[in-house]
């Protein structure tokens, strides 16, 4: 997990705080799937998850519109992206 500029590991039973307006990223380094429980406060952000789940698979325009409507930004060109992919062998 990346929160701000700190990288940490969250194993089973752990929790991680992702403060509002702080850049963060999550990934699974394991061979098995992982589940997370995300608590959002104040309420309202859950509508973004519901909206993107309803999108047609591969709908990049729909995803970008949902992000814009909910005030979310994905920093695909972040310097962290290449570094995290390299360091943790991510695709």
N, C-alpha and C. Protein backbone atom coordinates (compact mmCIF):
# COMPACT_ATOMS: atom_id res chain seq x y z
N UNK A 1 0.85 -1.17 0.00
CA UNK A 1 0.00 0.00 0.00
C UNK A 1 0.89 1.22 0.00
N UNK A 2 0.51 2.19 -0.80
CA UNK A 2 1.19 3.49 -0.83
C UNK A 2 0.20 4.52 -0.30
N UNK A 3 0.60 5.27 0.71
CA UNK A 3 -0.20 6.39 1.23
C UNK A 3 0.75 7.57 1.34
N UNK A 4 0.48 8.59 0.52
CA UNK A 4 1.40 9.72 0.47
C UNK A 4 2.69 9.24 -0.17
N UNK A 5 3.77 9.24 0.59
CA UNK A 5 5.04 8.72 0.09
C UNK A 5 5.53 7.53 0.90
N UNK A 6 4.63 6.96 1.71
CA UNK A 6 5.00 5.83 2.56
C UNK A 6 4.43 4.53 2.01
N UNK A 7 5.28 3.53 1.89
CA UNK A 7 4.86 2.20 1.44
C UNK A 7 4.81 1.30 2.66
N UNK A 8 3.72 0.56 2.79
CA UNK A 8 3.59 -0.37 3.91
C UNK A 8 2.90 -1.64 3.45
N UNK A 9 2.98 -2.66 4.27
CA UNK A 9 2.36 -3.95 4.00
C UNK A 9 1.19 -4.12 4.95
N UNK A 10 0.06 -4.52 4.43
CA UNK A 10 -1.11 -4.77 5.26
C UNK A 10 -1.54 -6.21 5.04
N UNK A 11 -1.23 -7.07 5.96
CA UNK A 11 -1.61 -8.48 5.87
C UNK A 11 -2.99 -8.71 6.44
N UNK A 12 -3.39 -9.97 6.54
CA UNK A 12 -4.72 -10.30 7.07
C UNK A 12 -4.96 -9.66 8.44
N UNK A 13 -6.11 -9.05 8.58
CA UNK A 13 -6.51 -8.45 9.84
C UNK A 13 -5.97 -7.05 10.08
N UNK A 14 -5.19 -6.52 9.16
CA UNK A 14 -4.62 -5.18 9.32
C UNK A 14 -5.59 -4.12 8.81
N UNK A 15 -5.33 -2.90 9.20
CA UNK A 15 -6.07 -1.78 8.64
C UNK A 15 -5.08 -0.69 8.26
N UNK A 16 -5.50 0.12 7.30
CA UNK A 16 -4.67 1.21 6.79
C UNK A 16 -5.55 2.44 6.66
N UNK A 17 -5.05 3.57 7.09
CA UNK A 17 -5.78 4.82 6.96
C UNK A 17 -5.33 5.53 5.69
N UNK A 18 -6.30 5.88 4.86
CA UNK A 18 -6.04 6.64 3.64
C UNK A 18 -6.77 7.97 3.79
N UNK A 19 -6.08 9.00 4.30
CA UNK A 19 -6.76 10.29 4.50
C UNK A 19 -7.25 10.88 3.18
N UNK A 20 -8.32 11.62 3.27
CA UNK A 20 -8.89 12.30 2.11
C UNK A 20 -7.84 13.21 1.48
N UNK A 21 -7.83 13.24 0.16
CA UNK A 21 -6.94 14.09 -0.63
C UNK A 21 -5.46 13.74 -0.51
N UNK A 22 -5.15 12.51 -0.10
CA UNK A 22 -3.78 12.03 -0.07
C UNK A 22 -3.66 10.93 -1.13
N UNK A 23 -2.66 11.05 -1.99
CA UNK A 23 -2.46 10.04 -3.05
C UNK A 23 -2.24 8.68 -2.39
N UNK A 24 -2.90 7.66 -2.94
CA UNK A 24 -2.73 6.31 -2.41
C UNK A 24 -2.88 5.29 -3.53
N UNK A 25 -2.33 4.11 -3.29
CA UNK A 25 -2.45 3.00 -4.24
C UNK A 25 -2.43 1.70 -3.45
N UNK A 26 -3.16 0.72 -3.94
CA UNK A 26 -3.19 -0.60 -3.31
C UNK A 26 -2.93 -1.64 -4.38
N UNK A 27 -2.26 -2.72 -4.01
CA UNK A 27 -2.02 -3.81 -4.93
C UNK A 27 -1.87 -5.09 -4.12
N UNK A 28 -2.03 -6.20 -4.78
CA UNK A 28 -1.93 -7.51 -4.15
C UNK A 28 -0.68 -8.19 -4.69
N UNK A 29 0.32 -8.41 -3.85
CA UNK A 29 1.55 -9.07 -4.27
C UNK A 29 1.44 -10.58 -4.23
N UNK A 30 0.39 -11.09 -3.62
CA UNK A 30 0.24 -12.53 -3.45
C UNK A 30 -0.27 -13.24 -4.68
N UNK A 31 -0.22 -14.56 -4.62
CA UNK A 31 -0.73 -15.40 -5.71
C UNK A 31 -2.25 -15.56 -5.62
N UNK A 32 -2.81 -15.43 -4.43
CA UNK A 32 -4.25 -15.59 -4.24
C UNK A 32 -4.92 -14.22 -4.22
N UNK A 33 -6.20 -14.24 -4.53
CA UNK A 33 -6.97 -13.01 -4.47
C UNK A 33 -7.01 -12.45 -3.06
N UNK A 34 -7.31 -11.20 -2.96
CA UNK A 34 -7.40 -10.54 -1.65
C UNK A 34 -8.73 -9.79 -1.58
N UNK A 35 -9.22 -9.66 -0.38
CA UNK A 35 -10.44 -8.88 -0.15
C UNK A 35 -10.12 -7.75 0.80
N UNK A 36 -10.78 -6.63 0.56
CA UNK A 36 -10.62 -5.50 1.46
C UNK A 36 -12.00 -5.01 1.88
N UNK A 37 -12.04 -4.41 3.02
CA UNK A 37 -13.24 -3.74 3.51
C UNK A 37 -12.87 -2.27 3.58
N UNK A 38 -13.57 -1.46 2.83
CA UNK A 38 -13.24 -0.04 2.78
C UNK A 38 -14.37 0.74 3.43
N UNK A 39 -14.00 1.52 4.45
CA UNK A 39 -14.96 2.37 5.15
C UNK A 39 -14.73 3.80 4.70
N UNK A 40 -15.78 4.41 4.20
CA UNK A 40 -15.68 5.77 3.65
C UNK A 40 -16.48 6.73 4.52
N UNK A 41 -15.82 7.77 4.95
CA UNK A 41 -16.50 8.77 5.75
C UNK A 41 -16.01 10.15 5.35
N UNK A 42 -16.88 11.10 5.17
CA UNK A 42 -18.33 10.97 5.26
C UNK A 42 -18.87 10.15 4.09
N UNK A 43 -20.08 9.70 4.25
CA UNK A 43 -20.72 8.86 3.23
C UNK A 43 -20.88 9.62 1.92
N UNK A 44 -21.06 8.87 0.85
CA UNK A 44 -21.30 9.46 -0.46
C UNK A 44 -20.38 8.90 -1.52
N UNK A 45 -19.13 8.63 -1.15
CA UNK A 45 -18.16 8.11 -2.11
C UNK A 45 -18.52 6.73 -2.62
N UNK A 46 -19.32 6.00 -1.87
CA UNK A 46 -19.69 4.65 -2.29
C UNK A 46 -20.46 4.66 -3.61
N UNK A 47 -21.08 5.79 -3.95
CA UNK A 47 -21.81 5.90 -5.21
C UNK A 47 -20.88 5.72 -6.41
N UNK A 48 -19.61 6.14 -6.26
CA UNK A 48 -18.63 5.96 -7.34
C UNK A 48 -18.41 4.47 -7.61
N UNK A 49 -18.24 3.68 -6.55
CA UNK A 49 -18.04 2.25 -6.72
C UNK A 49 -19.24 1.61 -7.42
N UNK A 50 -20.43 1.98 -6.99
CA UNK A 50 -21.64 1.44 -7.60
C UNK A 50 -21.72 1.80 -9.08
N UNK A 51 -21.36 3.03 -9.39
CA UNK A 51 -21.42 3.50 -10.77
C UNK A 51 -20.42 2.77 -11.67
N UNK A 52 -19.18 2.59 -11.20
CA UNK A 52 -18.20 1.93 -12.08
C UNK A 52 -18.49 0.44 -12.22
N UNK A 53 -19.10 -0.17 -11.20
CA UNK A 53 -19.48 -1.58 -11.33
C UNK A 53 -20.55 -1.79 -12.39
N UNK A 54 -21.37 -0.78 -12.61
CA UNK A 54 -22.46 -0.88 -13.59
C UNK A 54 -21.99 -0.58 -15.02
N UNK A 55 -20.75 -0.12 -15.18
CA UNK A 55 -20.26 0.22 -16.52
C UNK A 55 -20.05 -1.03 -17.37
N UNK A 56 -20.19 -0.83 -18.66
CA UNK A 56 -19.86 -1.90 -19.60
C UNK A 56 -18.35 -2.13 -19.52
N UNK A 57 -17.92 -3.38 -19.56
CA UNK A 57 -16.49 -3.70 -19.43
C UNK A 57 -15.67 -2.94 -20.47
N UNK A 58 -14.59 -2.32 -20.01
CA UNK A 58 -13.70 -1.60 -20.91
C UNK A 58 -14.14 -0.19 -21.24
N UNK A 59 -15.19 0.32 -20.60
CA UNK A 59 -15.69 1.66 -20.90
C UNK A 59 -14.82 2.72 -20.24
N UNK A 60 -13.76 3.10 -20.92
CA UNK A 60 -12.84 4.10 -20.38
C UNK A 60 -13.52 5.46 -20.24
N UNK A 61 -14.33 5.83 -21.21
CA UNK A 61 -15.03 7.12 -21.15
C UNK A 61 -16.00 7.13 -19.96
N UNK A 62 -16.71 6.03 -19.74
CA UNK A 62 -17.63 5.94 -18.61
C UNK A 62 -16.89 6.04 -17.28
N UNK A 63 -15.73 5.38 -17.21
CA UNK A 63 -14.91 5.43 -16.00
C UNK A 63 -14.44 6.86 -15.73
N UNK A 64 -13.92 7.51 -16.76
CA UNK A 64 -13.43 8.88 -16.59
C UNK A 64 -14.56 9.84 -16.22
N UNK A 65 -15.74 9.66 -16.81
CA UNK A 65 -16.88 10.51 -16.46
C UNK A 65 -17.30 10.30 -15.01
N UNK A 66 -17.32 9.04 -14.57
CA UNK A 66 -17.68 8.75 -13.17
C UNK A 66 -16.67 9.38 -12.22
N UNK A 67 -15.40 9.28 -12.55
CA UNK A 67 -14.36 9.89 -11.71
C UNK A 67 -14.56 11.40 -11.63
N UNK A 68 -14.80 12.02 -12.75
CA UNK A 68 -14.99 13.47 -12.80
C UNK A 68 -16.21 13.88 -11.95
N UNK A 69 -17.31 13.14 -12.08
CA UNK A 69 -18.53 13.47 -11.32
C UNK A 69 -18.32 13.35 -9.81
N UNK A 70 -17.45 12.41 -9.41
CA UNK A 70 -17.26 12.16 -7.98
C UNK A 70 -15.99 12.80 -7.42
N UNK A 71 -15.31 13.59 -8.26
CA UNK A 71 -14.14 14.31 -7.79
C UNK A 71 -12.92 13.44 -7.52
N UNK A 72 -12.81 12.34 -8.28
CA UNK A 72 -11.68 11.43 -8.11
C UNK A 72 -10.69 11.58 -9.26
N UNK A 73 -9.42 11.45 -8.96
CA UNK A 73 -8.38 11.57 -9.99
C UNK A 73 -7.46 10.37 -9.89
N UNK A 74 -7.20 9.73 -11.01
CA UNK A 74 -6.23 8.63 -11.09
C UNK A 74 -5.00 9.19 -11.79
N UNK A 75 -3.89 9.13 -11.11
CA UNK A 75 -2.64 9.72 -11.61
C UNK A 75 -1.81 8.64 -12.31
N UNK A 76 -2.24 8.28 -13.50
CA UNK A 76 -1.56 7.20 -14.24
C UNK A 76 -0.13 7.58 -14.64
N UNK A 77 0.13 8.87 -14.72
CA UNK A 77 1.47 9.33 -15.10
C UNK A 77 2.33 9.66 -13.88
N UNK A 78 1.89 9.26 -12.70
CA UNK A 78 2.64 9.51 -11.48
C UNK A 78 3.99 8.82 -11.53
N UNK A 79 5.03 9.45 -11.01
CA UNK A 79 6.33 8.78 -10.96
C UNK A 79 6.29 7.51 -10.11
N UNK A 80 5.32 7.43 -9.20
CA UNK A 80 5.20 6.23 -8.37
C UNK A 80 4.76 5.03 -9.19
N UNK A 81 3.99 5.23 -10.24
CA UNK A 81 3.46 4.11 -11.01
C UNK A 81 4.57 3.20 -11.52
N UNK A 82 5.52 3.76 -12.23
CA UNK A 82 6.62 2.96 -12.77
C UNK A 82 7.46 2.37 -11.65
N UNK A 83 7.70 3.14 -10.60
CA UNK A 83 8.52 2.65 -9.49
C UNK A 83 7.85 1.47 -8.78
N UNK A 84 6.56 1.57 -8.50
CA UNK A 84 5.85 0.47 -7.83
C UNK A 84 5.79 -0.76 -8.72
N UNK A 85 5.54 -0.57 -10.01
CA UNK A 85 5.52 -1.71 -10.93
C UNK A 85 6.87 -2.41 -10.97
N UNK A 86 7.94 -1.63 -11.02
CA UNK A 86 9.28 -2.21 -11.06
C UNK A 86 9.61 -2.91 -9.74
N UNK A 87 9.40 -2.21 -8.64
CA UNK A 87 9.81 -2.73 -7.34
C UNK A 87 9.04 -3.98 -6.93
N UNK A 88 7.74 -4.04 -7.26
CA UNK A 88 6.90 -5.16 -6.82
C UNK A 88 6.50 -6.09 -7.95
N UNK A 89 7.14 -5.92 -9.11
CA UNK A 89 6.89 -6.79 -10.26
C UNK A 89 5.39 -6.84 -10.61
N UNK A 90 4.78 -5.68 -10.71
CA UNK A 90 3.36 -5.58 -11.03
C UNK A 90 3.17 -5.40 -12.53
N UNK A 91 2.03 -5.83 -13.03
CA UNK A 91 1.73 -5.69 -14.46
C UNK A 91 1.16 -4.33 -14.77
